[in-house]
Protein backbone atom coordinates (compact mmCIF):
# COMPACT_ATOMS: atom_id res chain seq x y z
CA MET A 1 -6.69 15.46 -35.28
CA VAL A 2 -4.57 15.30 -32.12
CA LYS A 3 -6.42 13.76 -29.18
CA LYS A 4 -5.99 15.41 -25.82
CA ILE A 5 -5.73 12.84 -23.04
CA VAL A 6 -5.12 12.47 -19.33
CA ILE A 7 -3.39 9.46 -17.79
CA LEU A 8 -4.86 8.27 -14.50
CA GLY A 9 -2.18 6.65 -12.35
CA ALA A 10 -0.28 6.35 -9.12
CA ALA A 11 3.34 7.18 -10.06
CA GLY A 12 4.31 3.92 -11.74
CA ARG A 13 2.44 2.35 -14.63
CA ASP A 14 1.23 5.78 -15.70
CA PHE A 15 4.80 6.86 -16.50
CA HIS A 16 5.59 3.50 -18.12
CA ASN A 17 2.53 3.65 -20.38
CA PHE A 18 3.45 7.18 -21.40
CA ASN A 19 7.02 6.16 -22.21
CA VAL A 20 6.14 3.15 -24.37
CA VAL A 21 2.96 4.40 -26.10
CA PHE A 22 2.60 8.18 -25.98
CA ARG A 23 6.02 9.83 -25.59
CA ASN A 24 6.80 10.17 -29.30
CA ASN A 25 3.27 9.69 -30.60
CA PRO A 26 2.05 12.79 -32.51
CA GLU A 27 -1.54 11.48 -32.53
CA TYR A 28 -1.91 12.22 -28.82
CA ARG A 29 -1.16 15.06 -26.46
CA VAL A 30 -1.00 14.19 -22.76
CA VAL A 31 -2.19 17.27 -20.87
CA ALA A 32 -1.68 15.86 -17.36
CA PHE A 33 -0.97 12.86 -15.18
CA LEU A 34 -3.70 12.60 -12.55
CA GLN A 35 -2.57 10.53 -9.59
CA THR A 36 -4.25 8.73 -6.71
CA GLN A 37 -3.42 6.34 -3.81
CA ILE A 38 -0.01 7.75 -2.84
CA PRO A 39 -0.29 10.65 -0.34
CA GLY A 40 1.80 13.75 -0.82
CA ILE A 41 3.39 13.16 -4.25
CA ALA A 42 1.16 15.23 -6.56
CA GLY A 43 2.13 18.74 -7.66
CA ARG A 44 5.28 17.66 -9.50
CA ARG A 45 6.01 17.78 -13.23
CA TYR A 46 7.12 15.01 -15.57
CA PRO A 47 10.31 16.69 -16.78
CA PRO A 48 11.05 17.60 -20.42
CA ALA A 49 14.14 15.35 -20.38
CA LEU A 50 11.86 12.35 -19.84
CA ALA A 51 8.79 13.60 -21.71
CA GLY A 52 10.51 14.09 -25.08
CA GLU A 53 10.43 16.65 -27.88
CA LEU A 54 6.64 16.89 -28.00
CA TYR A 55 6.63 18.22 -24.42
CA PRO A 56 9.25 21.00 -24.11
CA ASP A 57 7.68 22.15 -20.84
CA GLY A 58 7.11 18.69 -19.44
CA ILE A 59 3.73 17.44 -18.19
CA PRO A 60 1.99 18.51 -14.96
CA ILE A 61 1.34 15.83 -12.32
CA LEU A 62 -1.81 16.62 -10.37
CA SER A 63 -4.08 14.93 -7.88
CA MET A 64 -6.98 12.87 -9.25
CA GLU A 65 -9.34 15.24 -7.45
CA TYR A 66 -8.69 17.79 -10.22
CA LEU A 67 -10.00 15.51 -13.00
CA GLU A 68 -13.11 17.58 -13.70
CA GLU A 69 -11.22 20.86 -13.73
CA VAL A 70 -8.50 19.56 -16.07
CA VAL A 71 -11.03 18.04 -18.47
CA LYS A 72 -12.90 21.33 -18.70
CA ALA A 73 -9.82 23.55 -18.96
CA TYR A 74 -8.10 21.51 -21.70
CA ASN A 75 -11.15 20.07 -23.50
CA VAL A 76 -9.83 16.54 -22.90
CA ASP A 77 -10.99 13.74 -25.22
CA GLU A 78 -9.90 10.54 -23.49
CA ALA A 79 -8.70 9.18 -20.15
CA PHE A 80 -6.37 6.18 -19.89
CA LEU A 81 -6.50 4.20 -16.66
CA SER A 82 -2.95 3.28 -15.63
CA TYR A 83 -3.03 2.12 -12.04
CA SER A 84 -3.79 -1.09 -10.20
CA ASP A 85 -5.28 -2.45 -6.96
CA LEU A 86 -8.90 -1.73 -7.81
CA THR A 87 -11.91 -3.85 -7.04
CA TYR A 88 -14.31 -4.08 -9.94
CA GLU A 89 -16.65 -1.78 -8.03
CA GLU A 90 -13.88 0.82 -7.71
CA LEU A 91 -13.00 0.37 -11.38
CA GLY A 92 -16.63 0.93 -12.31
CA ARG A 93 -16.76 4.13 -10.30
CA VAL A 94 -13.68 5.52 -12.05
CA LEU A 95 -15.20 4.54 -15.40
CA SER A 96 -18.49 6.26 -14.56
CA ARG A 97 -16.73 9.39 -13.38
CA VAL A 98 -14.75 9.62 -16.63
CA VAL A 99 -17.54 8.72 -19.05
CA GLY A 100 -19.91 11.01 -17.15
CA LEU A 101 -17.67 13.89 -18.28
CA GLY A 102 -18.19 12.86 -21.91
CA LEU A 103 -14.74 11.26 -22.32
CA ASN A 104 -13.67 7.92 -23.76
CA PHE A 105 -12.36 5.59 -21.05
CA LYS A 106 -9.46 3.38 -22.15
CA ILE A 107 -7.03 0.81 -20.74
CA LEU A 108 -3.79 -0.20 -22.43
CA GLY A 109 -3.31 -3.96 -22.25
CA PRO A 110 -0.25 -6.22 -21.93
CA LYS A 111 0.31 -6.46 -25.71
CA GLU A 112 1.03 -2.74 -26.01
CA THR A 113 2.81 -2.20 -22.69
CA MET A 114 5.09 -5.23 -22.17
CA ILE A 115 8.67 -4.80 -23.42
CA GLU A 116 10.41 -7.82 -24.96
CA SER A 117 13.73 -8.87 -23.38
CA SER A 118 16.61 -10.84 -24.88
CA ARG A 119 17.08 -12.44 -21.45
CA PRO A 120 14.82 -15.01 -19.79
CA VAL A 121 12.21 -13.27 -17.62
CA ILE A 122 10.33 -14.89 -14.76
CA ALA A 123 7.65 -12.69 -13.23
CA VAL A 124 5.93 -12.79 -9.85
CA THR A 125 2.58 -11.02 -9.60
CA GLY A 126 -0.36 -11.02 -7.21
CA VAL A 127 -4.14 -10.93 -7.25
CA LYS A 128 -4.05 -8.13 -4.65
CA THR A 129 -1.45 -6.24 -2.66
CA GLY A 130 -0.39 -8.20 0.43
CA ALA A 131 -0.86 -11.68 -1.04
CA GLY A 132 2.77 -12.54 -0.33
CA LYS A 133 4.61 -11.92 -3.60
CA SER A 134 7.86 -10.90 -1.96
CA SER A 135 8.43 -14.22 -0.18
CA VAL A 136 7.81 -16.08 -3.46
CA SER A 137 10.17 -13.76 -5.34
CA ARG A 138 12.91 -14.23 -2.74
CA GLU A 139 12.59 -18.00 -2.91
CA ILE A 140 12.81 -17.96 -6.71
CA ALA A 141 15.87 -15.72 -6.50
CA ARG A 142 17.57 -18.08 -4.01
CA ILE A 143 16.96 -21.08 -6.22
CA LEU A 144 18.26 -19.37 -9.36
CA VAL A 145 21.39 -18.12 -7.58
CA ASN A 146 22.04 -21.62 -6.23
CA LYS A 147 21.83 -22.90 -9.81
CA GLY A 148 24.61 -20.51 -10.76
CA PHE A 149 22.70 -17.74 -12.53
CA ARG A 150 23.31 -14.00 -12.28
CA VAL A 151 19.90 -12.72 -11.26
CA GLY A 152 18.82 -9.13 -11.72
CA VAL A 153 15.71 -8.25 -9.73
CA VAL A 154 13.61 -5.60 -11.43
CA ARG A 155 11.06 -4.05 -9.15
CA HIS A 156 7.81 -2.38 -10.16
CA PRO A 157 8.41 1.41 -10.02
CA MET A 158 7.98 3.63 -6.98
CA PRO A 159 9.26 6.99 -8.30
CA TYR A 160 8.13 9.32 -5.56
CA GLY A 161 11.08 11.72 -5.57
CA ASN A 162 12.96 13.77 -8.18
CA LEU A 163 12.11 12.00 -11.42
CA GLU A 164 15.21 13.16 -13.33
CA GLU A 165 17.36 11.58 -10.62
CA MET A 166 15.37 8.34 -10.75
CA VAL A 167 15.40 7.47 -14.47
CA VAL A 168 17.36 4.28 -13.82
CA GLN A 169 18.39 3.09 -10.37
CA LYS A 170 20.47 0.20 -9.06
CA PHE A 171 20.50 -0.76 -5.39
CA LYS A 172 23.32 -3.00 -4.16
CA THR A 173 24.00 -1.62 -0.67
CA PHE A 174 22.10 0.08 2.13
CA GLU A 175 24.08 3.22 1.27
CA ASP A 176 22.36 3.17 -2.13
CA LEU A 177 19.02 3.46 -0.33
CA ASP A 178 20.25 6.63 1.33
CA LYS A 179 21.84 7.89 -1.89
CA TYR A 180 18.55 7.68 -3.77
CA LYS A 181 16.56 8.89 -0.74
CA ALA A 182 14.41 5.77 -0.82
CA THR A 183 11.07 5.94 0.94
CA ILE A 184 9.93 3.34 3.47
CA GLU A 185 7.83 1.66 0.78
CA GLU A 186 10.87 1.31 -1.47
CA ARG A 187 13.03 0.03 1.37
CA GLU A 188 10.38 -2.57 2.23
CA GLU A 189 10.89 -4.09 -1.20
CA TYR A 190 14.64 -3.62 -1.67
CA GLU A 191 16.24 -4.42 1.68
CA HIS A 192 15.71 -8.18 1.69
CA TYR A 193 17.41 -8.50 -1.72
CA ILE A 194 20.32 -6.34 -0.59
CA ARG A 195 20.75 -8.69 2.40
CA MET A 196 20.85 -11.58 -0.09
CA GLY A 197 23.58 -9.83 -2.09
CA LEU A 198 21.36 -9.31 -5.14
CA PRO A 199 21.08 -6.10 -7.15
CA VAL A 200 17.66 -4.48 -7.41
CA TYR A 201 16.80 -2.27 -10.38
CA ALA A 202 14.01 0.29 -10.57
CA GLY A 203 13.31 3.74 -11.93
CA VAL A 204 11.11 5.62 -14.36
CA ASP A 205 12.21 4.55 -17.86
CA TYR A 206 12.01 0.77 -17.98
CA GLY A 207 13.20 0.64 -21.59
CA LYS A 208 16.52 2.23 -20.65
CA LEU A 209 16.63 0.15 -17.49
CA LEU A 210 16.21 -3.11 -19.42
CA ARG A 211 19.34 -2.52 -21.49
CA ILE A 212 21.38 -2.23 -18.28
CA VAL A 213 19.79 -5.25 -16.61
CA GLU A 214 20.31 -7.41 -19.69
CA LYS A 215 23.99 -6.45 -19.85
CA GLU A 216 24.69 -7.24 -16.20
CA ASN A 217 22.58 -10.41 -15.67
CA ASN A 218 21.55 -13.59 -17.45
CA ILE A 219 18.17 -14.01 -15.72
CA ILE A 220 15.63 -11.27 -14.97
CA LEU A 221 13.23 -11.62 -12.06
CA TRP A 222 10.30 -9.23 -12.33
CA ASP A 223 9.06 -8.49 -8.81
CA GLY A 224 5.62 -7.03 -9.34
CA GLY A 225 4.03 -4.22 -7.39
CA ASN A 226 0.44 -4.11 -6.12
CA ASN A 227 -1.46 -6.45 -8.47
CA ASP A 228 -0.15 -4.97 -11.70
CA TRP A 229 0.96 -7.12 -14.64
CA PRO A 230 4.66 -7.01 -15.66
CA PHE A 231 6.32 -4.30 -17.72
CA TYR A 232 8.56 -6.95 -19.32
CA ARG A 233 7.07 -9.85 -21.27
CA PRO A 234 7.67 -12.91 -19.08
CA ASP A 235 8.69 -16.33 -20.30
CA TYR A 236 7.04 -17.67 -17.16
CA MET A 237 4.66 -16.04 -14.72
CA VAL A 238 3.77 -16.96 -11.16
CA THR A 239 0.72 -15.34 -9.60
CA VAL A 240 0.14 -15.35 -5.84
CA ALA A 241 -3.38 -15.63 -4.42
CA ASP A 242 -4.37 -14.92 -0.81
CA ALA A 243 -6.18 -17.59 1.19
CA LEU A 244 -7.28 -14.92 3.69
CA ARG A 245 -9.25 -13.11 0.97
CA PRO A 246 -11.06 -15.79 -1.04
CA GLY A 247 -12.86 -14.44 -4.08
CA ILE A 248 -10.71 -11.31 -4.43
CA GLU A 249 -8.74 -13.11 -7.16
CA VAL A 250 -11.75 -12.71 -9.51
CA LYS A 251 -13.00 -9.39 -8.12
CA SER A 252 -9.95 -7.18 -8.55
CA PHE A 253 -8.33 -5.33 -11.42
CA PRO A 254 -5.90 -6.22 -12.74
CA GLY A 255 -5.51 -9.11 -10.29
CA GLU A 256 -7.79 -11.33 -12.33
CA ILE A 257 -5.70 -10.51 -15.42
CA ASN A 258 -2.66 -11.90 -13.60
CA LEU A 259 -4.65 -15.03 -12.85
CA LYS A 260 -5.46 -15.42 -16.55
CA LEU A 261 -1.83 -14.87 -17.63
CA ALA A 262 -0.22 -17.15 -15.04
CA ASN A 263 1.67 -20.36 -15.74
CA ALA A 264 1.39 -21.20 -12.06
CA VAL A 265 -0.66 -19.94 -9.13
CA ILE A 266 0.45 -20.19 -5.50
CA ILE A 267 -2.33 -19.90 -2.92
CA ASN A 268 -0.51 -18.41 0.06
CA LYS A 269 -1.36 -18.38 3.81
CA VAL A 270 -3.44 -21.58 3.64
CA ASP A 271 -2.55 -22.31 7.28
CA GLN A 272 -4.46 -19.17 8.32
CA ALA A 273 -7.47 -19.66 6.03
CA LYS A 274 -11.08 -20.14 7.08
CA PRO A 275 -12.81 -23.42 6.15
CA GLY A 276 -13.73 -23.55 2.49
CA ALA A 277 -11.54 -20.60 1.47
CA VAL A 278 -8.88 -22.62 -0.35
CA GLU A 279 -11.49 -24.65 -2.23
CA THR A 280 -13.19 -21.44 -3.36
CA ILE A 281 -9.92 -20.03 -4.68
CA LYS A 282 -9.03 -23.30 -6.44
CA LYS A 283 -12.42 -23.32 -8.16
CA ASN A 284 -11.98 -19.73 -9.31
CA ILE A 285 -8.48 -20.44 -10.66
CA VAL A 286 -9.67 -23.45 -12.65
CA GLU A 287 -12.57 -21.48 -14.13
CA VAL A 288 -10.35 -18.57 -15.15
CA ASN A 289 -7.16 -20.44 -16.12
CA PRO A 290 -7.57 -24.24 -16.25
CA LYS A 291 -4.00 -24.75 -17.54
CA ALA A 292 -2.29 -23.10 -14.55
CA LYS A 293 -0.45 -25.27 -12.06
CA ILE A 294 -1.71 -24.76 -8.50
CA SER A 295 0.36 -24.93 -5.31
CA LEU A 296 -0.67 -24.35 -1.71
CA ALA A 297 1.69 -22.55 0.63
CA GLU A 298 2.06 -21.51 4.24
CA SER A 299 3.70 -18.25 5.24
CA GLU A 300 5.94 -19.05 8.20
CA VAL A 301 6.11 -15.98 10.44
CA VAL A 302 8.80 -15.59 13.12
CA VAL A 303 10.12 -12.77 15.32
CA ASP A 304 13.71 -12.21 16.33
CA LYS A 305 12.97 -11.55 20.05
CA PRO A 306 9.91 -13.56 21.19
CA GLU A 307 10.47 -12.63 24.83
CA LEU A 308 9.65 -8.98 24.00
CA VAL A 309 6.25 -10.00 22.62
CA GLU A 310 4.85 -12.66 24.94
CA GLY A 311 2.50 -11.10 27.48
CA LYS A 312 3.37 -7.58 26.32
CA LYS A 313 1.30 -4.74 24.95
CA VAL A 314 2.55 -4.28 21.40
CA LEU A 315 2.20 -1.74 18.61
CA VAL A 316 2.07 -3.50 15.25
CA ILE A 317 3.45 -1.66 12.22
CA GLU A 318 2.55 -3.14 8.83
CA ASP A 319 3.83 -2.29 5.35
CA SER A 320 1.64 0.53 4.15
CA PRO A 321 0.40 -0.62 0.71
CA THR A 322 -0.90 -3.93 2.07
CA VAL A 323 -3.19 -2.36 4.67
CA THR A 324 -4.11 0.81 2.77
CA HIS A 325 -5.04 0.43 -0.90
CA GLY A 326 -4.26 -3.30 -0.71
CA GLY A 327 -7.40 -3.72 1.37
CA ALA A 328 -6.02 -6.10 4.01
CA PRO A 329 -7.00 -5.35 7.63
CA TYR A 330 -3.59 -6.55 8.86
CA ALA A 331 -0.54 -8.47 7.68
CA ALA A 332 2.49 -10.39 8.97
CA GLY A 333 3.11 -8.16 11.99
CA TYR A 334 -0.31 -8.73 13.51
CA VAL A 335 -0.13 -12.46 12.80
CA ALA A 336 3.25 -12.61 14.54
CA ALA A 337 2.05 -10.58 17.52
CA LYS A 338 -0.84 -12.97 18.13
CA LYS A 339 1.28 -16.06 17.47
CA TYR A 340 3.81 -15.08 20.13
CA GLY A 341 1.27 -14.03 22.76
CA GLY A 342 1.33 -10.26 22.39
CA GLU A 343 -1.60 -7.92 22.97
CA PRO A 344 -1.91 -5.51 20.03
CA ILE A 345 -2.86 -1.95 20.99
CA ASP A 346 -5.08 0.03 18.64
CA PRO A 347 -2.98 3.04 17.56
CA ARG A 348 -5.89 5.11 16.26
CA PRO A 349 -6.52 7.07 19.49
CA TYR A 350 -2.88 8.19 19.42
CA ALA A 351 -2.63 9.02 15.69
CA THR A 352 -1.47 12.41 14.41
CA GLU A 353 -3.69 14.32 11.98
CA PHE A 354 -2.01 12.74 8.96
CA PHE A 355 -2.63 9.21 10.20
CA LYS A 356 -6.17 10.06 11.32
CA LYS A 357 -6.81 10.98 7.70
CA ILE A 358 -5.40 7.64 6.53
CA TYR A 359 -7.62 5.71 8.95
CA ARG A 360 -10.66 7.62 7.67
CA GLU A 361 -9.70 6.88 4.08
CA TYR A 362 -9.16 3.16 4.77
CA PRO A 363 -11.78 2.20 7.40
CA HIS A 364 -11.18 -1.54 6.81
CA MET A 365 -7.81 -1.32 8.59
CA GLY A 366 -7.43 -3.26 11.81
CA PRO A 367 -5.56 -2.23 15.01
CA VAL A 368 -2.27 -1.68 13.20
CA LEU A 369 -0.23 1.32 12.07
CA PRO A 370 0.69 1.60 8.36
CA SER A 371 4.35 2.40 7.70
CA THR A 372 3.44 5.41 5.55
CA GLY A 373 6.34 7.81 5.13
CA TYR A 374 6.85 9.26 1.65
CA THR A 375 8.04 12.68 2.84
CA GLU A 376 10.01 14.11 5.75
CA GLU A 377 6.80 15.48 7.23
CA GLN A 378 5.10 12.09 7.05
CA LEU A 379 8.12 10.42 8.67
CA LYS A 380 7.89 12.89 11.55
CA GLU A 381 4.22 12.06 12.03
CA LEU A 382 4.98 8.34 11.88
CA GLU A 383 7.62 8.79 14.59
CA GLU A 384 5.30 10.89 16.73
CA THR A 385 2.43 8.41 16.46
CA ILE A 386 4.65 5.45 17.34
CA ASN A 387 6.09 7.21 20.36
CA ARG A 388 2.65 8.29 21.61
CA VAL A 389 1.29 4.73 21.79
CA PRO A 390 1.66 3.30 25.35
CA ALA A 391 3.06 -0.05 24.20
CA ASP A 392 5.85 -2.15 25.67
CA THR A 393 7.18 -3.24 22.28
CA VAL A 394 6.95 -2.31 18.61
CA VAL A 395 6.42 -5.26 16.27
CA LEU A 396 7.78 -4.38 12.84
CA GLY A 397 5.76 -6.30 10.29
CA THR A 398 7.24 -4.15 7.54
CA PRO A 399 10.42 -5.65 5.99
CA SER A 400 12.08 -2.23 6.20
CA ASP A 401 14.24 -1.32 9.16
CA ILE A 402 12.54 2.01 9.80
CA THR A 403 14.79 2.62 12.82
CA ARG A 404 17.32 3.85 10.23
CA LEU A 405 14.94 6.72 9.44
CA ILE A 406 13.15 7.56 12.70
CA LYS A 407 13.77 7.36 16.44
CA ILE A 408 11.55 4.93 18.34
CA ASN A 409 11.28 5.14 22.14
CA LYS A 410 10.43 1.45 22.66
CA PRO A 411 12.13 -1.90 22.06
CA VAL A 412 11.67 -3.12 18.48
CA VAL A 413 11.00 -6.69 17.36
CA ARG A 414 11.44 -7.59 13.70
CA VAL A 415 9.21 -10.01 11.85
CA SER A 416 10.41 -12.26 9.06
CA PHE A 417 8.46 -14.71 6.95
CA ARG A 418 9.29 -17.40 4.45
CA ILE A 419 7.04 -19.33 2.14
CA LYS A 420 6.64 -23.10 2.46
CA ILE A 421 4.87 -25.15 -0.23
CA VAL A 422 2.66 -27.81 1.37
CA GLU A 423 0.82 -29.14 -1.69
CA GLY A 424 1.39 -29.09 -5.44
CA PRO A 425 4.54 -28.23 -7.42
CA SER A 426 7.43 -26.86 -5.37
CA ILE A 427 8.92 -23.49 -6.26
CA GLU A 428 12.04 -25.26 -7.51
CA GLU A 429 9.86 -27.33 -9.86
CA LEU A 430 8.29 -24.12 -11.16
CA VAL A 431 11.74 -22.60 -11.66
CA ASP A 432 12.88 -25.69 -13.57
CA GLU A 433 9.83 -25.41 -15.82
CA PHE A 434 10.67 -21.76 -16.45
CA LEU A 435 14.27 -22.63 -17.35
CA GLU A 436 13.07 -25.30 -19.77
CA LYS A 437 10.66 -22.87 -21.46
CA ALA A 438 13.33 -20.16 -21.71
CA LYS A 439 16.31 -22.35 -22.60
CA ALA A 440 16.70 -20.72 -26.04
CA LYS A 441 17.47 -17.41 -24.29
CA ILE A 442 19.87 -18.82 -21.69
CA GLU A 443 23.57 -18.37 -22.37
């Protein structure tokens, strides 16, 4: 008997899990993708060209709020959770909502969803969004390039546009960002690699993508999104914990899974931590994964124009995922503003209706503005909100140069940050250990 299922996701792992487990599986029929977290992307359809022969009309992509209606209309049997960045309390609520409808609640694990590569794969993951994965990934990439390797960076998916045009993507130039109509969130993750001269790969079908990456590179760096585990089976895995959020490493899903799978754990932002925080995290790591190497790191934050921050009223813009579903009240932009003597202005009184809704949905957020802009309408509201705030300067904590997309009526200061190991194995030592473990795959 064919089981009717829904896949609960956020436009990323949900598509990947479908592709590797369900696409050509006659035992299941996926009646809908039900998506959460990302505003404004529901109402699409997973196209027949990607869905396969079992789905000649494709698969509807709906908002998670329609779960009950879809289950009733299609007599659904099971729901598969396929998104990340959940606390265990949030995970429990999703489970209760699903099981309360009479459905089976299932999660596909790493064994079924990781694709094997013929190339060495080093993966960087986090215990929660905003832990500082990107600075670790960049440092690993620099070290590998300096050792003479061709490094292909594969980024966790962010397919928020036309899915048929996003099956496989390669970003080498800033023009490629425009070509693929990359959102701010995508640009936040791609731009720093483009500045380094490295190609970034992403898309919808990570099986097809892998064949291209393997052909063009001899090392694959998996740059994880949110706190999801990798789509490719890593030969070595580095997980980043956050010293500003002690305990979250064992209270989040699938962040704790990343802790269990890690060869090495880097506790980031230790210079900003409260007393006892680092010791708590160390204890949790040892209890969950006693074999993992542990390093402590500082995140060095600098701005390009300090004179525009000191003594000024500033509007801080942070990368959206970190301060929305990532659960952090602020990020690098706010830290930089305070470090350089700026006075952050709370943007909430000046927010447009769209951003007022975001602040209501994420009440933990501090006096910062998330860089949310997945659609043209959202970009317009981001621009309007920024220009309403009576600040002297805008502090861009997001890695993306959003001035390429919107017009800002104030001077803009850009924040950069780089990781610095202060205790434990250096990142180069971790890379050397990876290369030793993967030497059979290295050309």
